């Protein structure tokens, strides 16, 4: 009787390990999918930052140009 109980417990342990192994594989697949989505989002965010930096440079150069134009106008009207 003791051998039967031991064999049953061992069989249950094997089944539990197999089920946990399958679950672990599914979790790893989901994690890989999330990592891929995160990496895609990072690339998108980096591209957006590059665009914003480019716009900031454009706005800064326009602001400086308008400042120069205003300075020339003030100089001309002062004369």
PDB file of N, CA and C in Angstrom:
ATOM      1  N   UNK A   1       0.829  -1.201   0.000  1.00  0.00           N
ATOM      2  CA  UNK A   1       0.000   0.000   0.000  1.00  0.00           C
ATOM      3  C   UNK A   1       0.869   1.259   0.000  1.00  0.00           C
ATOM      4  N   UNK A   2       1.969   1.211   0.750  1.00  0.00           N
ATOM      5  CA  UNK A   2       2.862   2.368   0.815  1.00  0.00           C
ATOM      6  C   UNK A   2       3.464   2.671  -0.552  1.00  0.00           C
ATOM      7  N   UNK A   3       3.786   1.610  -1.321  1.00  0.00           N
ATOM      8  CA  UNK A   3       4.355   1.800  -2.660  1.00  0.00           C
ATOM      9  C   UNK A   3       3.337   2.413  -3.614  1.00  0.00           C
ATOM     10  N   UNK A   4       2.069   2.068  -3.453  1.00  0.00           N
ATOM     11  CA  UNK A   4       1.017   2.609  -4.310  1.00  0.00           C
ATOM     12  C   UNK A   4       0.862   4.102  -4.048  1.00  0.00           C
ATOM     13  N   UNK A   5       0.845   4.493  -2.791  1.00  0.00           N
ATOM     14  CA  UNK A   5       0.717   5.910  -2.435  1.00  0.00           C
ATOM     15  C   UNK A   5       1.940   6.681  -2.922  1.00  0.00           C
ATOM     16  N   UNK A   6       3.117   6.097  -2.744  1.00  0.00           N
ATOM     17  CA  UNK A   6       4.348   6.756  -3.209  1.00  0.00           C
ATOM     18  C   UNK A   6       4.320   6.907  -4.728  1.00  0.00           C
ATOM     19  N   UNK A   7       3.880   5.877  -5.423  1.00  0.00           N
ATOM     20  CA  UNK A   7       3.802   5.940  -6.890  1.00  0.00           C
ATOM     21  C   UNK A   7       2.785   6.978  -7.336  1.00  0.00           C
ATOM     22  N   UNK A   8       1.647   7.046  -6.662  1.00  0.00           N
ATOM     23  CA  UNK A   8       0.644   8.053  -6.994  1.00  0.00           C
ATOM     24  C   UNK A   8       1.162   9.465  -6.749  1.00  0.00           C
ATOM     25  N   UNK A   9       1.814   9.666  -5.637  1.00  0.00           N
ATOM     26  CA  UNK A   9       2.375  10.986  -5.344  1.00  0.00           C
ATOM     27  C   UNK A   9       3.447  11.364  -6.360  1.00  0.00           C
ATOM     28  N   UNK A  10       4.261  10.398  -6.747  1.00  0.00           N
ATOM     29  CA  UNK A  10       5.290  10.651  -7.749  1.00  0.00           C
ATOM     30  C   UNK A  10       4.645  10.993  -9.099  1.00  0.00           C
ATOM     31  N   UNK A  11       3.578  10.270  -9.462  1.00  0.00           N
ATOM     32  CA  UNK A  11       2.877  10.552 -10.719  1.00  0.00           C
ATOM     33  C   UNK A  11       2.259  11.943 -10.685  1.00  0.00           C
ATOM     34  N   UNK A  12       1.657  12.322  -9.556  1.00  0.00           N
ATOM     35  CA  UNK A  12       1.094  13.666  -9.415  1.00  0.00           C
ATOM     36  C   UNK A  12       2.179  14.732  -9.512  1.00  0.00           C
ATOM     37  N   UNK A  13       3.312  14.452  -8.929  1.00  0.00           N
ATOM     38  CA  UNK A  13       4.435  15.394  -9.003  1.00  0.00           C
ATOM     39  C   UNK A  13       4.900  15.562 -10.446  1.00  0.00           C
ATOM     40  N   UNK A  14       4.981  14.483 -11.187  1.00  0.00           N
ATOM     41  CA  UNK A  14       5.394  14.553 -12.592  1.00  0.00           C
ATOM     42  C   UNK A  14       4.382  15.365 -13.401  1.00  0.00           C
ATOM     43  N   UNK A  15       3.104  15.124 -13.172  1.00  0.00           N
ATOM     44  CA  UNK A  15       2.058  15.873 -13.886  1.00  0.00           C
ATOM     45  C   UNK A  15       2.147  17.358 -13.533  1.00  0.00           C
ATOM     46  N   UNK A  16       2.358  17.661 -12.259  1.00  0.00           N
ATOM     47  CA  UNK A  16       2.464  19.056 -11.841  1.00  0.00           C
ATOM     48  C   UNK A  16       3.667  19.725 -12.495  1.00  0.00           C
ATOM     49  N   UNK A  17       4.779  19.031 -12.574  1.00  0.00           N
ATOM     50  CA  UNK A  17       5.975  19.604 -13.213  1.00  0.00           C
ATOM     51  C   UNK A  17       5.715  19.843 -14.691  1.00  0.00           C
ATOM     52  N   UNK A  18       5.053  18.913 -15.351  1.00  0.00           N
ATOM     53  CA  UNK A  18       4.749  19.081 -16.782  1.00  0.00           C
ATOM     54  C   UNK A  18       3.824  20.280 -16.993  1.00  0.00           C
ATOM     55  N   UNK A  19       2.792  20.389 -16.156  1.00  0.00           N
ATOM     56  CA  UNK A  19       1.864  21.521 -16.289  1.00  0.00           C
ATOM     57  C   UNK A  19       2.559  22.852 -16.015  1.00  0.00           C
ATOM     58  N   UNK A  20       3.381  22.878 -15.002  1.00  0.00           N
ATOM     59  CA  UNK A  20       4.120  24.114 -14.708  1.00  0.00           C
ATOM     60  C   UNK A  20       5.102  24.456 -15.821  1.00  0.00           C
ATOM     61  N   UNK A  21       5.695  23.455 -16.417  1.00  0.00           N
ATOM     62  CA  UNK A  21       6.618  23.690 -17.529  1.00  0.00           C
ATOM     63  C   UNK A  21       5.889  24.308 -18.712  1.00  0.00           C
ATOM     64  N   UNK A  22       4.691  23.797 -19.020  1.00  0.00           N
ATOM     65  CA  UNK A  22       3.897  24.359 -20.111  1.00  0.00           C
ATOM     66  C   UNK A  22       3.495  25.796 -19.797  1.00  0.00           C
ATOM     67  N   UNK A  23       3.103  26.036 -18.571  1.00  0.00           N
ATOM     68  CA  UNK A  23       2.717  27.392 -18.169  1.00  0.00           C
ATOM     69  C   UNK A  23       3.901  28.338 -18.274  1.00  0.00           C
ATOM     70  N   UNK A  24       5.066  27.854 -17.880  1.00  0.00           N
ATOM     71  CA  UNK A  24       6.272  28.675 -17.965  1.00  0.00           C
ATOM     72  C   UNK A  24       6.586  29.030 -19.419  1.00  0.00           C
ATOM     73  N   UNK A  25       6.418  28.073 -20.329  1.00  0.00           N
ATOM     74  CA  UNK A  25       6.652  28.346 -21.750  1.00  0.00           C
ATOM     75  C   UNK A  25       5.688  29.426 -22.259  1.00  0.00           C
ATOM     76  N   UNK A  26       4.420  29.343 -21.838  1.00  0.00           N
ATOM     77  CA  UNK A  26       3.442  30.352 -22.249  1.00  0.00           C
ATOM     78  C   UNK A  26       3.800  31.726 -21.697  1.00  0.00           C
ATOM     79  N   UNK A  27       4.237  31.759 -20.448  1.00  0.00           N
ATOM     80  CA  UNK A  27       4.625  33.035 -19.830  1.00  0.00           C
ATOM     81  C   UNK A  27       5.845  33.625 -20.526  1.00  0.00           C
ATOM     82  N   UNK A  28       6.794  32.779 -20.906  1.00  0.00           N
ATOM     83  CA  UNK A  28       7.980  33.268 -21.630  1.00  0.00           C
ATOM     84  C   UNK A  28       7.590  33.836 -22.983  1.00  0.00           C
ATOM     85  N   UNK A  29       6.642  33.189 -23.667  1.00  0.00           N
ATOM     86  CA  UNK A  29       6.187  33.691 -24.965  1.00  0.00           C
ATOM     87  C   UNK A  29       5.504  35.049 -24.810  1.00  0.00           C
ATOM     88  N   UNK A  30       4.670  35.182 -23.769  1.00  0.00           N
ATOM     89  CA  UNK A  30       4.016  36.468 -23.515  1.00  0.00           C
ATOM     90  C   UNK A  30       5.038  37.545 -23.168  1.00  0.00           C
ATOM     91  N   UNK A  31       6.024  37.173 -22.388  1.00  0.00           N
ATOM     92  CA  UNK A  31       7.065  38.135 -22.015  1.00  0.00           C
ATOM     93  C   UNK A  31       7.853  38.582 -23.242  1.00  0.00           C
ATOM     94  N   UNK A  32       8.190  37.642 -24.116  1.00  0.00           N
ATOM     95  CA  UNK A  32       8.901  38.004 -25.351  1.00  0.00           C
ATOM     96  C   UNK A  32       8.066  38.957 -26.202  1.00  0.00           C
ATOM     97  N   UNK A  33       6.765  38.704 -26.258  1.00  0.00           N
ATOM     98  CA  UNK A  33       5.872  39.582 -27.020  1.00  0.00           C
ATOM     99  C   UNK A  33       5.845  40.984 -26.420  1.00  0.00           C
ATOM    100  N   UNK A  34       5.787  41.056 -25.090  1.00  0.00           N
ATOM    101  CA  UNK A  34       5.788  42.370 -24.433  1.00  0.00           C
ATOM    102  C   UNK A  34       7.107  43.102 -24.655  1.00  0.00           C
ATOM    103  N   UNK A  35       8.200  42.380 -24.615  1.00  0.00           N
ATOM    104  CA  UNK A  35       9.507  43.007 -24.852  1.00  0.00           C
ATOM    105  C   UNK A  35       9.581  43.553 -26.274  1.00  0.00           C
ATOM    106  N   UNK A  36       9.073  42.792 -27.240  1.00  0.00           N
ATOM    107  CA  UNK A  36       9.068  43.265 -28.627  1.00  0.00           C
ATOM    108  C   UNK A  36       8.226  44.530 -28.780  1.00  0.00           C
ATOM    109  N   UNK A  37       7.048  44.540 -28.160  1.00  0.00           N
ATOM    110  CA  UNK A  37       6.189  45.733 -28.228  1.00  0.00           C
ATOM    111  C   UNK A  37       6.868  46.926 -27.561  1.00  0.00           C
ATOM    112  N   UNK A  38       7.534  46.672 -26.440  1.00  0.00           N
ATOM    113  CA  UNK A  38       8.233  47.754 -25.733  1.00  0.00           C
ATOM    114  C   UNK A  38       9.350  48.318 -26.601  1.00  0.00           C
ATOM    115  N   UNK A  39      10.103  47.446 -27.259  1.00  0.00           N
ATOM    116  CA  UNK A  39      11.191  47.907 -28.125  1.00  0.00           C
ATOM    117  C   UNK A  39      10.657  48.721 -29.306  1.00  0.00           C
ATOM    118  N   UNK A  40       9.526  48.279 -29.878  1.00  0.00           N
ATOM    119  CA  UNK A  40       8.911  49.050 -30.964  1.00  0.00           C
ATOM    120  C   UNK A  40       8.479  50.425 -30.468  1.00  0.00           C
ATOM    121  N   UNK A  41       7.912  50.466 -29.275  1.00  0.00           N
ATOM    122  CA  UNK A  41       7.479  51.746 -28.707  1.00  0.00           C
ATOM    123  C   UNK A  41       8.676  52.657 -28.447  1.00  0.00           C
ATOM    124  N   UNK A  42       9.776  52.089 -27.980  1.00  0.00           N
ATOM    125  CA  UNK A  42      10.973  52.904 -27.761  1.00  0.00           C
ATOM    126  C   UNK A  42      11.483  53.503 -29.066  1.00  0.00           C
ATOM    127  N   UNK A  43      11.480  52.711 -30.136  1.00  0.00           N
ATOM    128  CA  UNK A  43      11.919  53.232 -31.433  1.00  0.00           C
ATOM    129  C   UNK A  43      11.008  54.372 -31.884  1.00  0.00           C
ATOM    130  N   UNK A  44       9.697  54.189 -31.704  1.00  0.00           N
ATOM    131  CA  UNK A  44       8.731  55.223 -32.083  1.00  0.00           C
ATOM    132  C   UNK A  44       8.969  56.488 -31.260  1.00  0.00           C
ATOM    133  N   UNK A  45       9.178  56.313 -29.957  1.00  0.00           N
ATOM    134  CA  UNK A  45       9.402  57.459 -29.076  1.00  0.00           C
ATOM    135  C   UNK A  45      10.689  58.187 -29.443  1.00  0.00           C
ATOM    136  N   UNK A  46      11.741  57.435 -29.754  1.00  0.00           N
ATOM    137  CA  UNK A  46      12.995  58.063 -30.164  1.00  0.00           C
ATOM    138  C   UNK A  46      12.810  58.870 -31.443  1.00  0.00           C
ATOM    139  N   UNK A  47      12.046  58.330 -32.377  1.00  0.00           N
ATOM    140  CA  UNK A  47      11.786  59.056 -33.630  1.00  0.00           C
ATOM    141  C   UNK A  47      11.002  60.330 -33.353  1.00  0.00           C
ATOM    142  N   UNK A  48      10.026  60.250 -32.457  1.00  0.00           N
ATOM    143  CA  UNK A  48       9.255  61.441 -32.098  1.00  0.00           C
ATOM    144  C   UNK A  48      10.142  62.487 -31.430  1.00  0.00           C
ATOM    145  N   UNK A  49      11.056  62.044 -30.573  1.00  0.00           N
ATOM    146  CA  UNK A  49      11.978  62.986 -29.924  1.00  0.00           C
ATOM    147  C   UNK A  49      12.870  63.663 -30.955  1.00  0.00           C
ATOM    148  N   UNK A  50      13.326  62.901 -31.946  1.00  0.00           N
ATOM    149  CA  UNK A  50      14.153  63.494 -33.000  1.00  0.00           C
ATOM    150  C   UNK A  50      13.376  64.577 -33.752  1.00  0.00           C
ATOM    151  N   UNK A  51      12.108  64.307 -34.035  1.00  0.00           N
ATOM    152  CA  UNK A  51      11.273  65.290 -34.727  1.00  0.00           C
ATOM    153  C   UNK A  51      11.096  66.532 -33.854  1.00  0.00           C
ATOM    154  N   UNK A  52      10.828  66.322 -32.568  1.00  0.00           N
ATOM    155  CA  UNK A  52      10.646  67.466 -31.666  1.00  0.00           C
ATOM    156  C   UNK A  52      11.921  68.290 -31.540  1.00  0.00           C
ATOM    157  N   UNK A  53      13.061  67.640 -31.467  1.00  0.00           N
ATOM    158  CA  UNK A  53      14.329  68.366 -31.389  1.00  0.00           C
ATOM    159  C   UNK A  53      14.555  69.164 -32.668  1.00  0.00           C
ATOM    160  N   UNK A  54      14.227  68.570 -33.802  1.00  0.00           N
ATOM    161  CA  UNK A  54      14.359  69.277 -35.074  1.00  0.00           C
ATOM    162  C   UNK A  54      13.449  70.509 -35.106  1.00  0.00           C
ATOM    163  N   UNK A  55      12.209  70.347 -34.651  1.00  0.00           N
ATOM    164  CA  UNK A  55      11.291  71.487 -34.600  1.00  0.00           C
ATOM    165  C   UNK A  55      11.805  72.559 -33.651  1.00  0.00           C
ATOM    166  N   UNK A  56      12.357  72.130 -32.530  1.00  0.00           N
ATOM    167  CA  UNK A  56      12.881  73.095 -31.563  1.00  0.00           C
ATOM    168  C   UNK A  56      14.015  73.900 -32.190  1.00  0.00           C
ATOM    169  N   UNK A  57      14.893  73.239 -32.941  1.00  0.00           N
ATOM    170  CA  UNK A  57      15.989  73.944 -33.601  1.00  0.00           C
ATOM    171  C   UNK A  57      15.444  74.928 -34.631  1.00  0.00           C
ATOM    172  N   UNK A  58      14.419  74.494 -35.385  1.00  0.00           N
ATOM    173  CA  UNK A  58      13.804  75.390 -36.378  1.00  0.00           C
ATOM    174  C   UNK A  58      13.196  76.610 -35.696  1.00  0.00           C
ATOM    175  N   UNK A  59      12.470  76.391 -34.620  1.00  0.00           N
ATOM    176  CA  UNK A  59      11.826  77.494 -33.901  1.00  0.00           C
ATOM    177  C   UNK A  59      12.873  78.437 -33.324  1.00  0.00           C
ATOM    178  N   UNK A  60      13.954  77.874 -32.789  1.00  0.00           N
ATOM    179  CA  UNK A  60      15.021  78.716 -32.230  1.00  0.00           C
ATOM    180  C   UNK A  60      15.662  79.578 -33.312  1.00  0.00           C
ATOM    181  N   UNK A  61      15.919  78.973 -34.480  1.00  0.00           N
ATOM    182  CA  UNK A  61      16.543  79.776 -35.549  1.00  0.00           C
ATOM    183  C   UNK A  61      15.583  80.843 -36.070  1.00  0.00           C
ATOM    184  N   UNK A  62      14.306  80.545 -36.153  1.00  0.00           N
ATOM    185  CA  UNK A  62      13.321  81.558 -36.568  1.00  0.00           C
ATOM    186  C   UNK A  62      13.250  82.673 -35.536  1.00  0.00           C
ATOM    187  N   UNK A  63      13.253  82.309 -34.257  1.00  0.00           N
ATOM    188  CA  UNK A  63      13.218  83.307 -33.180  1.00  0.00           C
ATOM    189  C   UNK A  63      14.439  84.222 -33.254  1.00  0.00           C
ATOM    190  N   UNK A  64      15.615  83.635 -33.482  1.00  0.00           N
ATOM    191  CA  UNK A  64      16.833  84.452 -33.586  1.00  0.00           C
ATOM    192  C   UNK A  64      16.772  85.363 -34.807  1.00  0.00           C
ATOM    193  N   UNK A  65      16.264  84.840 -35.930  1.00  0.00           N
ATOM    194  CA  UNK A  65      16.138  85.662 -37.131  1.00  0.00           C
ATOM    195  C   UNK A  65      15.193  86.834 -36.895  1.00  0.00           C
ATOM    196  N   UNK A  66      14.053  86.542 -36.277  1.00  0.00           N
ATOM    197  CA  UNK A  66      13.109  87.630 -36.000  1.00  0.00           C
ATOM    198  C   UNK A  66      13.706  88.646 -35.032  1.00  0.00           C
ATOM    199  N   UNK A  67      14.516  88.185 -34.102  1.00  0.00           N
ATOM    200  CA  UNK A  67      15.197  89.115 -33.198  1.00  0.00           C
ATOM    201  C   UNK A  67      16.157  90.016 -33.952  1.00  0.00           C
ATOM    202  N   UNK A  68      16.878  89.444 -34.920  1.00  0.00           N
ATOM    203  CA  UNK A  68      17.794  90.245 -35.730  1.00  0.00           C
ATOM    204  C   UNK A  68      17.029  91.257 -36.582  1.00  0.00           C
ATOM    205  N   UNK A  69      15.921  90.832 -37.186  1.00  0.00           N
ATOM    206  CA  UNK A  69      15.100  91.730 -38.006  1.00  0.00           C
ATOM    207  C   UNK A  69      14.566  92.866 -37.140  1.00  0.00           C
ATOM    208  N   UNK A  70      14.094  92.545 -35.958  1.00  0.00           N
ATOM    209  CA  UNK A  70      13.573  93.560 -35.047  1.00  0.00           C
ATOM    210  C   UNK A  70      14.681  94.527 -34.637  1.00  0.00           C
ATOM    211  N   UNK A  71      15.880  94.005 -34.401  1.00  0.00           N
ATOM    212  CA  UNK A  71      17.001  94.874 -34.030  1.00  0.00           C
ATOM    213  C   UNK A  71      17.344  95.820 -35.175  1.00  0.00           C
ATOM    214  N   UNK A  72      17.332  95.313 -36.411  1.00  0.00           N
ATOM    215  CA  UNK A  72      17.616  96.181 -37.562  1.00  0.00           C
ATOM    216  C   UNK A  72      16.538  97.236 -37.740  1.00  0.00           C
ATOM    217  N   UNK A  73      15.289  96.851 -37.522  1.00  0.00           N
ATOM    218  CA  UNK A  73      14.209  97.823 -37.643  1.00  0.00           C
ATOM    219  C   UNK A  73      14.331  98.908 -36.561  1.00  0.00           C
ATOM    220  N   UNK A  74      14.660  98.495 -35.368  1.00  0.00           N
ATOM    221  CA  UNK A  74      14.838  99.474 -34.298  1.00  0.00           C
ATOM    222  C   UNK A  74      15.985 100.404 -34.613  1.00  0.00           C
ATOM    223  N   UNK A  75      17.063  99.885 -35.186  1.00  0.00           N
ATOM    224  CA  UNK A  75      18.200 100.701 -35.530  1.00  0.00           C
ATOM    225  C   UNK A  75      17.831 101.717 -36.619  1.00  0.00           C
ATOM    226  N   UNK A  76      17.079 101.219 -37.628  1.00  0.00           N
ATOM    227  CA  UNK A  76      16.682 102.105 -38.726  1.00  0.00           C
ATOM    228  C   UNK A  76      15.728 103.174 -38.227  1.00  0.00           C
ATOM    229  N   UNK A  77      14.781 102.823 -37.399  1.00  0.00           N
ATOM    230  CA  UNK A  77      13.833 103.824 -36.913  1.00  0.00           C
ATOM    231  C   UNK A  77      14.507 104.773 -35.928  1.00  0.00           C
ATOM    232  N   UNK A  78      15.571 104.340 -35.261  1.00  0.00           N
ATOM    233  CA  UNK A  78      16.315 105.218 -34.372  1.00  0.00           C
ATOM    234  C   UNK A  78      17.043 106.297 -35.160  1.00  0.00           C
ATOM    235  N   UNK A  79      17.530 105.900 -36.354  1.00  0.00           N
ATOM    236  CA  UNK A  79      18.253 106.853 -37.192  1.00  0.00           C
ATOM    237  C   UNK A  79      17.266 107.840 -37.712  1.00  0.00           C
TER     238      UNK A  79
END
